[in-house]
PDB file of N, CA and C in Angstrom:
ATOM      1  N   THR A   1     128.393 114.422  97.887  1.00  0.00           N
ATOM      2  CA  THR A   1     127.307 115.111  98.191  1.00  0.00           C
ATOM      3  C   THR A   1     125.700 113.849  97.397  1.00  0.00           C
ATOM      4  N   MET A   2     124.952 113.612  97.794  1.00  0.00           N
ATOM      5  CA  MET A   2     123.875 113.051  97.096  1.00  0.00           C
ATOM      6  C   MET A   2     123.615 113.677  95.711  1.00  0.00           C
ATOM      7  N   GLY A   3     123.983 114.249  95.586  1.00  0.00           N
ATOM      8  CA  GLY A   3     123.151 114.486  93.501  1.00  0.00           C
ATOM      9  C   GLY A   3     121.576 115.173  93.236  1.00  0.00           C
ATOM     10  N   LEU A   4     120.802 115.515  94.520  1.00  0.00           N
ATOM     11  CA  LEU A   4     119.381 115.403  94.164  1.00  0.00           C
ATOM     12  C   LEU A   4     118.958 116.373  93.015  1.00  0.00           C
ATOM     13  N   LEU A   5     117.740 116.221  92.171  1.00  0.00           N
ATOM     14  CA  LEU A   5     118.044 117.487  90.892  1.00  0.00           C
ATOM     15  C   LEU A   5     116.848 118.178  91.652  1.00  0.00           C
ATOM     16  N   ASP A   6     116.582 119.223  91.276  1.00  0.00           N
ATOM     17  CA  ASP A   6     116.305 120.365  91.744  1.00  0.00           C
ATOM     18  C   ASP A   6     114.613 119.950  92.390  1.00  0.00           C
ATOM     19  N   LEU A   7     113.855 119.315  91.560  1.00  0.00           N
ATOM     20  CA  LEU A   7     112.738 118.725  92.291  1.00  0.00           C
ATOM     21  C   LEU A   7     112.455 118.576  92.835  1.00  0.00           C
ATOM     22  N   GLN A   8     113.706 117.165  93.764  1.00  0.00           N
ATOM     23  CA  GLN A   8     113.466 116.754  94.625  1.00  0.00           C
ATOM     24  C   GLN A   8     114.158 117.158  96.013  1.00  0.00           C
ATOM     25  N   ARG A   9     115.038 118.622  95.501  1.00  0.00           N
ATOM     26  CA  ARG A   9     114.832 119.327  96.868  1.00  0.00           C
ATOM     27  C   ARG A   9     113.477 119.928  97.404  1.00  0.00           C
ATOM     28  N   GLU A  10     113.169 120.724  96.301  1.00  0.00           N
ATOM     29  CA  GLU A  10     111.627 120.793  96.881  1.00  0.00           C
ATOM     30  C   GLU A  10     110.952 120.121  97.417  1.00  0.00           C
ATOM     31  N   GLU A  11     110.938 118.827  96.766  1.00  0.00           N
ATOM     32  CA  GLU A  11     109.627 117.934  97.510  1.00  0.00           C
ATOM     33  C   GLU A  11     109.792 117.344  98.789  1.00  0.00           C
ATOM     34  N   LEU A  12     111.383 116.851  99.198  1.00  0.00           N
ATOM     35  CA  LEU A  12     111.910 116.674 100.686  1.00  0.00           C
ATOM     36  C   LEU A  12     111.706 118.005 101.138  1.00  0.00           C
ATOM     37  N   ALA A  13     111.436 119.817 100.785  1.00  0.00           N
ATOM     38  CA  ALA A  13     111.830 120.245 101.557  1.00  0.00           C
ATOM     39  C   ALA A  13     109.837 120.891 102.115  1.00  0.00           C
ATOM     40  N   LYS A  14     109.202 120.066 101.504  1.00  0.00           N
ATOM     41  CA  LYS A  14     108.374 120.688 101.453  1.00  0.00           C
ATOM     42  C   LYS A  14     108.030 118.821 102.465  1.00  0.00           C
ATOM     43  N   LEU A  15     108.253 118.304 102.897  1.00  0.00           N
ATOM     44  CA  LEU A  15     108.168 117.044 103.443  1.00  0.00           C
ATOM     45  C   LEU A  15     109.195 117.006 104.807  1.00  0.00           C
ATOM     46  N   ARG A  16     109.524 117.924 104.698  1.00  0.00           N
ATOM     47  CA  ARG A  16     110.712 118.578 106.391  1.00  0.00           C
ATOM     48  C   ARG A  16     109.867 118.942 106.595  1.00  0.00           C
ATOM     49  N   ALA A  17     109.649 120.025 106.257  1.00  0.00           N
ATOM     50  CA  ALA A  17     108.999 121.295 107.393  1.00  0.00           C
ATOM     51  C   ALA A  17     107.423 121.282 108.424  1.00  0.00           C
ATOM     52  N   PRO A  18     107.088 121.134 107.837  1.00  0.00           N
ATOM     53  CA  PRO A  18     105.695 120.043 108.764  1.00  0.00           C
ATOM     54  C   PRO A  18     106.655 119.237 110.089  1.00  0.00           C
ATOM     55  N   PHE A  19     107.396 118.214 109.385  1.00  0.00           N
ATOM     56  CA  PHE A  19     108.126 117.643 110.216  1.00  0.00           C
ATOM     57  C   PHE A  19     108.825 118.148 110.993  1.00  0.00           C
ATOM     58  N   ASN A  20     109.953 119.019 110.582  1.00  0.00           N
ATOM     59  CA  ASN A  20     110.427 119.881 112.051  1.00  0.00           C
ATOM     60  C   ASN A  20     109.749 121.009 112.909  1.00  0.00           C
ATOM     61  N   GLU A  21     108.380 121.395 112.026  1.00  0.00           N
ATOM     62  CA  GLU A  21     107.466 122.160 112.767  1.00  0.00           C
ATOM     63  C   GLU A  21     106.832 121.234 114.069  1.00  0.00           C
ATOM     64  N   GLN A  22     106.784 120.185 113.597  1.00  0.00           N
ATOM     65  CA  GLN A  22     106.258 119.149 114.783  1.00  0.00           C
ATOM     66  C   GLN A  22     106.965 118.878 115.460  1.00  0.00           C
ATOM     67  N   MET A  23     108.699 118.724 115.383  1.00  0.00           N
ATOM     68  CA  MET A  23     109.345 118.028 116.052  1.00  0.00           C
ATOM     69  C   MET A  23     109.884 118.824 117.494  1.00  0.00           C
ATOM     70  N   ARG A  24     110.124 119.808 116.774  1.00  0.00           N
ATOM     71  CA  ARG A  24     110.786 121.565 117.863  1.00  0.00           C
ATOM     72  C   ARG A  24     110.044 120.858 119.251  1.00  0.00           C
ATOM     73  N   PRO A  25     108.739 120.849 119.194  1.00  0.00           N
ATOM     74  CA  PRO A  25     108.266 120.784 120.590  1.00  0.00           C
ATOM     75  C   PRO A  25     108.678 119.843 121.840  1.00  0.00           C
ATOM     76  N   LEU A  26     108.844 118.437 120.838  1.00  0.00           N
ATOM     77  CA  LEU A  26     109.341 117.040 121.038  1.00  0.00           C
ATOM     78  C   LEU A  26     110.757 117.678 121.694  1.00  0.00           C
ATOM     79  N   ARG A  27     111.280 118.021 120.731  1.00  0.00           N
ATOM     80  CA  ARG A  27     113.333 117.839 120.894  1.00  0.00           C
ATOM     81  C   ARG A  27     113.627 119.330 122.237  1.00  0.00           C
ATOM     82  N   SER A  28     112.125 120.388 121.993  1.00  0.00           N
ATOM     83  CA  SER A  28     112.796 121.016 123.549  1.00  0.00           C
ATOM     84  C   SER A  28     112.310 120.543 124.463  1.00  0.00           C
ATOM     85  N   GLN A  29     111.209 119.366 124.709  1.00  0.00           N
ATOM     86  CA  GLN A  29     110.701 118.729 126.145  1.00  0.00           C
ATOM     87  C   GLN A  29     111.340 117.855 126.546  1.00  0.00           C
ATOM     88  N   LEU A  30     112.081 117.309 125.886  1.00  0.00           N
ATOM     89  CA  LEU A  30     113.227 116.308 125.835  1.00  0.00           C
ATOM     90  C   LEU A  30     114.537 117.222 126.509  1.00  0.00           C
ATOM     91  N   GLN A  31     115.021 118.233 125.496  1.00  0.00           N
ATOM     92  CA  GLN A  31     116.502 118.834 125.837  1.00  0.00           C
ATOM     93  C   GLN A  31     115.982 119.979 127.974  1.00  0.00           C
ATOM     94  N   ALA A  32     114.714 120.028 127.682  1.00  0.00           N
ATOM     95  CA  ALA A  32     114.344 120.879 128.999  1.00  0.00           C
ATOM     96  C   ALA A  32     114.439 119.317 130.394  1.00  0.00           C
ATOM     97  N   LYS A  33     114.169 117.815 129.379  1.00  0.00           N
ATOM     98  CA  LYS A  33     114.141 117.050 131.138  1.00  0.00           C
ATOM     99  C   LYS A  33     115.158 116.617 131.685  1.00  0.00           C
ATOM    100  N   ARG A  34     115.920 116.491 130.305  1.00  0.00           N
ATOM    101  CA  ARG A  34     117.868 116.731 130.355  1.00  0.00           C
ATOM    102  C   ARG A  34     117.853 117.070 131.544  1.00  0.00           C
ATOM    103  N   GLN A  35     118.006 118.566 131.014  1.00  0.00           N
ATOM    104  CA  GLN A  35     118.719 119.513 132.107  1.00  0.00           C
ATOM    105  C   GLN A  35     117.351 119.622 133.674  1.00  0.00           C
ATOM    106  N   ARG A  36     116.895 119.008 133.866  1.00  0.00           N
ATOM    107  CA  ARG A  36     116.401 118.970 135.056  1.00  0.00           C
ATOM    108  C   ARG A  36     116.094 117.817 136.013  1.00  0.00           C
ATOM    109  N   LEU A  37     117.254 116.474 134.901  1.00  0.00           N
ATOM    110  CA  LEU A  37     118.129 115.997 135.294  1.00  0.00           C
ATOM    111  C   LEU A  37     119.008 116.433 135.621  1.00  0.00           C
ATOM    112  N   MET A  38     119.726 116.552 134.597  1.00  0.00           N
ATOM    113  CA  MET A  38     121.142 116.741 135.776  1.00  0.00           C
ATOM    114  C   MET A  38     121.122 118.022 137.324  1.00  0.00           C
ATOM    115  N   ARG A  39     120.337 118.526 136.903  1.00  0.00           N
ATOM    116  CA  ARG A  39     119.759 119.795 138.204  1.00  0.00           C
ATOM    117  C   ARG A  39     119.683 118.376 139.387  1.00  0.00           C
ATOM    118  N   LEU A  40     118.755 117.525 139.181  1.00  0.00           N
ATOM    119  CA  LEU A  40     118.221 116.260 140.176  1.00  0.00           C
ATOM    120  C   LEU A  40     119.348 116.060 140.589  1.00  0.00           C
ATOM    121  N   LEU A  41     120.928 115.570 139.795  1.00  0.00           N
ATOM    122  CA  LEU A  41     121.505 114.973 140.049  1.00  0.00           C
ATOM    123  C   LEU A  41     122.653 115.799 140.641  1.00  0.00           C
ATOM    124  N   LEU A  42     122.326 116.952 141.336  1.00  0.00           N
ATOM    125  CA  LEU A  42     122.637 117.205 141.570  1.00  0.00           C
ATOM    126  C   LEU A  42     122.172 118.204 142.750  1.00  0.00           C
ATOM    127  N   THR A  43     121.199 117.792 143.692  1.00  0.00           N
ATOM    128  CA  THR A  43     121.051 117.770 145.029  1.00  0.00           C
ATOM    129  C   THR A  43     121.426 116.900 145.758  1.00  0.00           C
ATOM    130  N   ASN A  44     121.809 117.478 146.588  1.00  0.00           N
ATOM    131  CA  ASN A  44     121.904 116.137 147.787  1.00  0.00           C
ATOM    132  C   ASN A  44     121.415 116.019 148.929  1.00  0.00           C
ATOM    133  N   PRO A  45     120.419 115.664 149.992  1.00  0.00           N
ATOM    134  CA  PRO A  45     120.687 114.000 149.075  1.00  0.00           C
ATOM    135  C   PRO A  45     119.545 114.225 146.975  1.00  0.00           C
ATOM    136  N   THR A  46     120.153 113.042 147.100  1.00  0.00           N
ATOM    137  CA  THR A  46     119.678 112.909 145.565  1.00  0.00           C
ATOM    138  C   THR A  46     117.979 112.010 145.732  1.00  0.00           C
ATOM    139  N   ALA A  47     117.390 112.924 145.425  1.00  0.00           N
ATOM    140  CA  ALA A  47     115.533 112.325 144.431  1.00  0.00           C
ATOM    141  C   ALA A  47     115.816 111.120 143.382  1.00  0.00           C
ATOM    142  N   GLN A  48     116.419 110.293 144.490  1.00  0.00           N
ATOM    143  CA  GLN A  48     116.031 108.900 143.350  1.00  0.00           C
ATOM    144  C   GLN A  48     114.957 108.798 142.898  1.00  0.00           C
ATOM    145  N   ASP A  49     113.812 108.740 143.378  1.00  0.00           N
ATOM    146  CA  ASP A  49     112.267 108.672 143.014  1.00  0.00           C
ATOM    147  C   ASP A  49     111.897 109.537 142.059  1.00  0.00           C
ATOM    148  N   SER A  50     112.379 110.697 141.594  1.00  0.00           N
ATOM    149  CA  SER A  50     111.951 111.662 141.045  1.00  0.00           C
ATOM    150  C   SER A  50     112.875 111.453 139.662  1.00  0.00           C
ATOM    151  N   ILE A  51     114.630 111.036 139.769  1.00  0.00           N
ATOM    152  CA  ILE A  51     114.617 111.300 139.127  1.00  0.00           C
ATOM    153  C   ILE A  51     114.663 109.457 137.930  1.00  0.00           C
ATOM    154  N   GLN A  52     114.170 108.238 138.717  1.00  0.00           N
ATOM    155  CA  GLN A  52     113.457 107.763 137.992  1.00  0.00           C
ATOM    156  C   GLN A  52     112.007 107.711 137.010  1.00  0.00           C
ATOM    157  N   ILE A  53     111.666 108.554 138.460  1.00  0.00           N
ATOM    158  CA  ILE A  53     110.498 109.245 136.762  1.00  0.00           C
ATOM    159  C   ILE A  53     110.765 109.607 136.097  1.00  0.00           C
ATOM    160  N   LEU A  54     111.431 110.912 135.994  1.00  0.00           N
ATOM    161  CA  LEU A  54     112.297 111.539 134.649  1.00  0.00           C
ATOM    162  C   LEU A  54     113.112 110.849 133.703  1.00  0.00           C
ATOM    163  N   LEU A  55     113.655 109.688 134.189  1.00  0.00           N
ATOM    164  CA  LEU A  55     114.219 109.098 133.079  1.00  0.00           C
ATOM    165  C   LEU A  55     113.072 108.327 132.785  1.00  0.00           C
ATOM    166  N   ARG A  56     112.702 107.825 133.233  1.00  0.00           N
ATOM    167  CA  ARG A  56     111.041 107.458 132.384  1.00  0.00           C
ATOM    168  C   ARG A  56     110.338 107.701 131.240  1.00  0.00           C
ATOM    169  N   GLN A  57     110.442 109.115 132.151  1.00  0.00           N
ATOM    170  CA  GLN A  57     109.739 110.398 130.829  1.00  0.00           C
ATOM    171  C   GLN A  57     110.808 110.616 129.663  1.00  0.00           C
ATOM    172  N   ILE A  58     111.876 110.678 129.811  1.00  0.00           N
ATOM    173  CA  ILE A  58     112.776 110.915 129.146  1.00  0.00           C
ATOM    174  C   ILE A  58     113.150 110.385 127.803  1.00  0.00           C
ATOM    175  N   ALA A  59     113.297 108.361 128.416  1.00  0.00           N
ATOM    176  CA  ALA A  59     113.193 107.597 127.674  1.00  0.00           C
ATOM    177  C   ALA A  59     111.913 106.893 126.442  1.00  0.00           C
ATOM    178  N   GLU A  60     110.501 107.718 127.309  1.00  0.00           N
ATOM    179  CA  GLU A  60     109.129 107.817 126.350  1.00  0.00           C
ATOM    180  C   GLU A  60     109.172 108.629 125.236  1.00  0.00           C
ATOM    181  N   ASP A  61     110.081 109.705 125.803  1.00  0.00           N
ATOM    182  CA  ASP A  61     110.206 110.767 124.701  1.00  0.00           C
ATOM    183  C   ASP A  61     111.167 110.623 123.863  1.00  0.00           C
ATOM    184  N   GLN A  62     112.248 109.930 123.535  1.00  0.00           N
ATOM    185  CA  GLN A  62     113.117 110.157 123.014  1.00  0.00           C
ATOM    186  C   GLN A  62     112.626 108.774 122.400  1.00  0.00           C
ATOM    187  N   THR A  63     112.085 107.578 122.599  1.00  0.00           N
ATOM    188  CA  THR A  63     111.864 106.991 122.263  1.00  0.00           C
ATOM    189  C   THR A  63     110.467 107.151 120.652  1.00  0.00           C
ATOM    190  N   GLN A  64     109.761 108.523 121.659  1.00  0.00           N
ATOM    191  CA  GLN A  64     108.342 108.910 119.937  1.00  0.00           C
ATOM    192  C   GLN A  64     108.993 109.034 118.876  1.00  0.00           C
ATOM    193  N   LEU A  65     110.456 109.907 119.435  1.00  0.00           N
ATOM    194  CA  LEU A  65     111.513 111.368 118.754  1.00  0.00           C
ATOM    195  C   LEU A  65     111.784 109.577 117.998  1.00  0.00           C
ATOM    196  N   ASP A  66     112.634 108.980 117.790  1.00  0.00           N
ATOM    197  CA  ASP A  66     113.052 108.208 117.188  1.00  0.00           C
ATOM    198  C   ASP A  66     112.235 107.331 116.274  1.00  0.00           C
ATOM    199  N   ARG A  67     110.800 107.310 116.606  1.00  0.00           N
ATOM    200  CA  ARG A  67     109.514 106.439 116.107  1.00  0.00           C
ATOM    201  C   ARG A  67     109.106 107.367 114.962  1.00  0.00           C
ATOM    202  N   SER A  68     109.316 109.038 115.223  1.00  0.00           N
ATOM    203  CA  SER A  68     108.324 109.507 114.153  1.00  0.00           C
ATOM    204  C   SER A  68     109.917 109.757 113.209  1.00  0.00           C
ATOM    205  N   THR A  69     110.927 110.860 113.365  1.00  0.00           N
ATOM    206  CA  THR A  69     112.409 109.914 113.204  1.00  0.00           C
ATOM    207  C   THR A  69     111.987 108.872 111.494  1.00  0.00           C
ATOM    208  N   VAL A  70     111.901 107.742 111.991  1.00  0.00           N
ATOM    209  CA  VAL A  70     112.078 106.507 111.167  1.00  0.00           C
ATOM    210  C   VAL A  70     110.654 106.559 110.742  1.00  0.00           C
ATOM    211  N   GLU A  71     109.287 106.855 110.797  1.00  0.00           N
ATOM    212  CA  GLU A  71     108.115 106.600 110.257  1.00  0.00           C
ATOM    213  C   GLU A  71     108.677 108.396 108.910  1.00  0.00           C
ATOM    214  N   HIS A  72     109.374 109.107 109.056  1.00  0.00           N
ATOM    215  CA  HIS A  72     109.218 110.842 108.068  1.00  0.00           C
ATOM    216  C   HIS A  72     110.342 110.159 107.265  1.00  0.00           C
ATOM    217  N   LEU A  73     110.982 109.415 108.120  1.00  0.00           N
ATOM    218  CA  LEU A  73     112.842 109.091 106.777  1.00  0.00           C
ATOM    219  C   LEU A  73     111.902 107.777 105.774  1.00  0.00           C
ATOM    220  N   VAL A  74     110.977 107.359 106.204  1.00  0.00           N
ATOM    221  CA  VAL A  74     109.951 106.336 105.235  1.00  0.00           C
ATOM    222  C   VAL A  74     109.026 106.858 104.244  1.00  0.00           C
ATOM    223  N   THR A  75     108.891 108.039 104.137  1.00  0.00           N
ATOM    224  CA  THR A  75     107.922 108.715 103.743  1.00  0.00           C
ATOM    225  C   THR A  75     109.262 109.667 103.068  1.00  0.00           C
ATOM    226  N   LEU A  76     110.019 109.723 102.853  1.00  0.00           N
ATOM    227  CA  LEU A  76     111.352 110.348 102.108  1.00  0.00           C
ATOM    228  C   LEU A  76     111.629 109.493 101.077  1.00  0.00           C
ATOM    229  N   ARG A  77     111.432 107.905 101.028  1.00  0.00           N
ATOM    230  CA  ARG A  77     112.350 107.285  99.987  1.00  0.00           C
ATOM    231  C   ARG A  77     112.121 107.436  99.211  1.00  0.00           C
ATOM    232  N   PRO A  78     111.010 106.958  98.662  1.00  0.00           N
ATOM    233  CA  PRO A  78     110.041 107.288  97.669  1.00  0.00           C
ATOM    234  C   PRO A  78     110.493 107.964  96.630  1.00  0.00           C
ATOM    235  N   HIS A  79     110.910 109.245  97.142  1.00  0.00           N
ATOM    236  CA  HIS A  79     111.793 110.642  96.409  1.00  0.00           C
ATOM    237  C   HIS A  79     113.030 110.619  96.023  1.00  0.00           C
ATOM    238  N   LEU A  80     113.308 109.596  96.239  1.00  0.00           N
ATOM    239  CA  LEU A  80     115.342 109.285  96.106  1.00  0.00           C
ATOM    240  C   LEU A  80     115.259 108.491  95.715  1.00  0.00           C
ATOM    241  N   ASP A  81     116.465 107.930  94.265  1.00  0.00           N
ATOM    242  CA  ASP A  81     116.457 106.314  94.026  1.00  0.00           C
ATOM    243  C   ASP A  81     117.759 105.981  94.753  1.00  0.00           C
ATOM    244  N   GLU A  82     118.239 104.368  94.833  1.00  0.00           N
ATOM    245  CA  GLU A  82     118.395 104.093  96.273  1.00  0.00           C
ATOM    246  C   GLU A  82     119.895 104.446  96.453  1.00  0.00           C
ATOM    247  N   ARG A  83     120.957 105.506  95.277  1.00  0.00           N
ATOM    248  CA  ARG A  83     121.694 105.523  95.946  1.00  0.00           C
ATOM    249  C   ARG A  83     121.992 106.660  96.348  1.00  0.00           C
ATOM    250  N   GLN A  84     120.842 107.655  96.880  1.00  0.00           N
ATOM    251  CA  GLN A  84     120.936 108.844  97.614  1.00  0.00           C
ATOM    252  C   GLN A  84     120.302 107.975  98.811  1.00  0.00           C
ATOM    253  N   TRP A  85     118.941 106.847  98.527  1.00  0.00           N
ATOM    254  CA  TRP A  85     118.491 106.636 100.219  1.00  0.00           C
ATOM    255  C   TRP A  85     119.362 105.671 100.926  1.00  0.00           C
ATOM    256  N   ARG A  86     120.528 105.263 100.021  1.00  0.00           N
ATOM    257  CA  ARG A  86     121.891 105.004 101.082  1.00  0.00           C
ATOM    258  C   ARG A  86     122.463 106.069 101.698  1.00  0.00           C
ATOM    259  N   LEU A  87     123.101 107.136 101.001  1.00  0.00           N
ATOM    260  CA  LEU A  87     124.029 107.501 101.205  1.00  0.00           C
ATOM    261  C   LEU A  87     122.667 108.550 102.131  1.00  0.00           C
ATOM    262  N   MET A  88     122.275 108.759 102.307  1.00  0.00           N
ATOM    263  CA  MET A  88     121.621 109.771 103.897  1.00  0.00           C
ATOM    264  C   MET A  88     121.092 108.547 104.993  1.00  0.00           C
ATOM    265  N   VAL A  89     121.433 107.166 105.046  1.00  0.00           N
ATOM    266  CA  VAL A  89     121.246 106.068 105.991  1.00  0.00           C
ATOM    267  C   VAL A  89     122.130 106.085 106.476  1.00  0.00           C
ATOM    268  N   GLU A  90     122.866 105.978 105.427  1.00  0.00           N
ATOM    269  CA  GLU A  90     124.993 105.595 106.282  1.00  0.00           C
ATOM    270  C   GLU A  90     125.047 107.343 106.977  1.00  0.00           C
ATOM    271  N   ALA A  91     124.528 108.838 106.261  1.00  0.00           N
ATOM    272  CA  ALA A  91     125.101 109.886 107.322  1.00  0.00           C
ATOM    273  C   ALA A  91     124.333 110.047 108.590  1.00  0.00           C
ATOM    274  N   LEU A  92     123.202 109.275 108.307  1.00  0.00           N
ATOM    275  CA  LEU A  92     122.677 109.318 109.457  1.00  0.00           C
ATOM    276  C   LEU A  92     123.459 108.383 110.938  1.00  0.00           C
ATOM    277  N   ASP A  93     123.519 107.283 110.310  1.00  0.00           N
ATOM    278  CA  ASP A  93     124.334 106.230 111.018  1.00  0.00           C
ATOM    279  C   ASP A  93     125.723 107.147 111.333  1.00  0.00           C
ATOM    280  N   ARG A  94     126.095 107.594 110.633  1.00  0.00           N
ATOM    281  CA  ARG A  94     127.395 108.233 110.953  1.00  0.00           C
ATOM    282  C   ARG A  94     127.386 109.336 112.385  1.00  0.00           C
ATOM    283  N   GLU A  95     125.690 110.090 111.837  1.00  0.00           N
ATOM    284  CA  GLU A  95     125.533 111.596 112.736  1.00  0.00           C
ATOM    285  C   GLU A  95     125.273 110.550 114.822  1.00  0.00           C
ATOM    286  N   ARG A  96     124.709 108.769 114.250  1.00  0.00           N
ATOM    287  CA  ARG A  96     124.498 108.701 115.825  1.00  0.00           C
ATOM    288  C   ARG A  96     125.526 108.165 116.089  1.00  0.00           C
ATOM    289  N   HIS A  97     126.561 107.545 115.461  1.00  0.00           N
ATOM    290  CA  HIS A  97     127.472 107.236 116.322  1.00  0.00           C
ATOM    291  C   HIS A  97     128.286 108.339 116.849  1.00  0.00           C
ATOM    292  N   SER A  98     128.257 109.508 115.975  1.00  0.00           N
ATOM    293  CA  SER A  98     128.737 110.594 116.605  1.00  0.00           C
ATOM    294  C   SER A  98     128.346 111.243 117.645  1.00  0.00           C
ATOM    295  N   GLY A  99     128.211 110.347 117.929  1.00  0.00           N
ATOM    296  CA  GLY A  99     127.091 111.240 119.102  1.00  0.00           C
ATOM    297  C   GLY A  99     125.758 112.388 119.372  1.00  0.00           C
ATOM    298  N   ARG A 100     125.534 112.724 117.655  1.00  0.00           N
ATOM    299  CA  ARG A 100     123.992 113.296 117.822  1.00  0.00           C
ATOM    300  C   ARG A 100     123.323 112.969 117.129  1.00  0.00           C
ATOM    301  N   GLY A 101     122.994 111.484 117.497  1.00  0.00           N
ATOM    302  CA  GLY A 101     122.040 110.991 117.446  1.00  0.00           C
ATOM    303  C   GLY A 101     120.808 111.736 116.151  1.00  0.00           C
ATOM    304  N   MET A 102     119.388 111.299 116.103  1.00  0.00           N
ATOM    305  CA  MET A 102     118.334 111.885 114.944  1.00  0.00           C
ATOM    306  C   MET A 102     117.848 112.601 115.863  1.00  0.00           C
ATOM    307  N   ARG A 103     118.374 113.270 116.778  1.00  0.00           N
ATOM    308  CA  ARG A 103     117.510 114.181 117.358  1.00  0.00           C
ATOM    309  C   ARG A 103     117.896 115.837 116.031  1.00  0.00           C
ATOM    310  N   ARG A 104     118.639 115.546 115.614  1.00  0.00           N
ATOM    311  CA  ARG A 104     118.983 116.884 114.424  1.00  0.00           C
ATOM    312  C   ARG A 104     119.216 116.534 113.263  1.00  0.00           C
ATOM    313  N   PRO A 105     118.674 117.803 112.662  1.00  0.00           N
ATOM    314  CA  PRO A 105     118.641 117.030 111.158  1.00  0.00           C
ATOM    315  C   PRO A 105     119.946 117.433 110.768  1.00  0.00           C
ATOM    316  N   GLY A 106     121.093 116.879 110.885  1.00  0.00           N
ATOM    317  CA  GLY A 106     122.518 117.338 110.642  1.00  0.00           C
ATOM    318  C   GLY A 106     122.420 117.377 108.252  1.00  0.00           C
ATOM    319  N   PRO A 107     121.942 115.093 108.144  1.00  0.00           N
ATOM    320  CA  PRO A 107     122.118 115.040 107.089  1.00  0.00           C
ATOM    321  C   PRO A 107     120.934 115.764 105.880  1.00  0.00           C
ATOM    322  N   PHE A 108     120.189 116.341 106.624  1.00  0.00           N
ATOM    323  CA  PHE A 108     119.652 117.427 105.428  1.00  0.00           C
ATOM    324  C   PHE A 108     120.548 118.103 104.958  1.00  0.00           C
ATOM    325  N   LYS A 109     121.098 118.900 106.080  1.00  0.00           N
ATOM    326  CA  LYS A 109     121.576 119.642 104.459  1.00  0.00           C
ATOM    327  C   LYS A 109     123.000 119.309 104.192  1.00  0.00           C
ATOM    328  N   LYS A 110     123.084 118.077 103.726  1.00  0.00           N
ATOM    329  CA  LYS A 110     124.783 117.303 102.918  1.00  0.00           C
ATOM    330  C   LYS A 110     123.908 116.704 101.976  1.00  0.00           C
ATOM    331  N   MET A 111     122.470 116.415 102.108  1.00  0.00           N
ATOM    332  CA  MET A 111     121.459 116.816 100.795  1.00  0.00           C
ATOM    333  C   MET A 111     121.539 117.531 100.461  1.00  0.00           C
ATOM    334  N   GLU A 112     120.993 118.975 100.600  1.00  0.00           N
ATOM    335  CA  GLU A 112     120.717 119.478  99.249  1.00  0.00           C
ATOM    336  C   GLU A 112     122.046 120.273  99.228  1.00  0.00           C
ATOM    337  N   GLU A 113     123.335 119.641  99.229  1.00  0.00           N
ATOM    338  CA  GLU A 113     124.175 120.067  98.231  1.00  0.00           C
ATOM    339  C   GLU A 113     124.503 119.540  96.934  1.00  0.00           C
TER     340      GLU A 113
END
């Protein structure tokens, strides 16, 4: 566990709440586009132009989501000591490698323990 103090938990919660609200529509939009891509892949004949357009949009949305997430993480850093910061980044890296990516706040739950 990260061993957060009560004050740290409160500060992080205040920072995370608006970020999560801001990201919710982008995550939903990205999920909807991925579902639309799957439907397009199942059509016969496959609509290559539509698929390419959708892939470009998905890439742009994912880049925006990643950029916003990293910017948010940087705002959290001053509220953590070096050990806590390292644990959080390592947890995010494990989540990314497990296939969850940076789309979900999984490691934040661990921070609260």
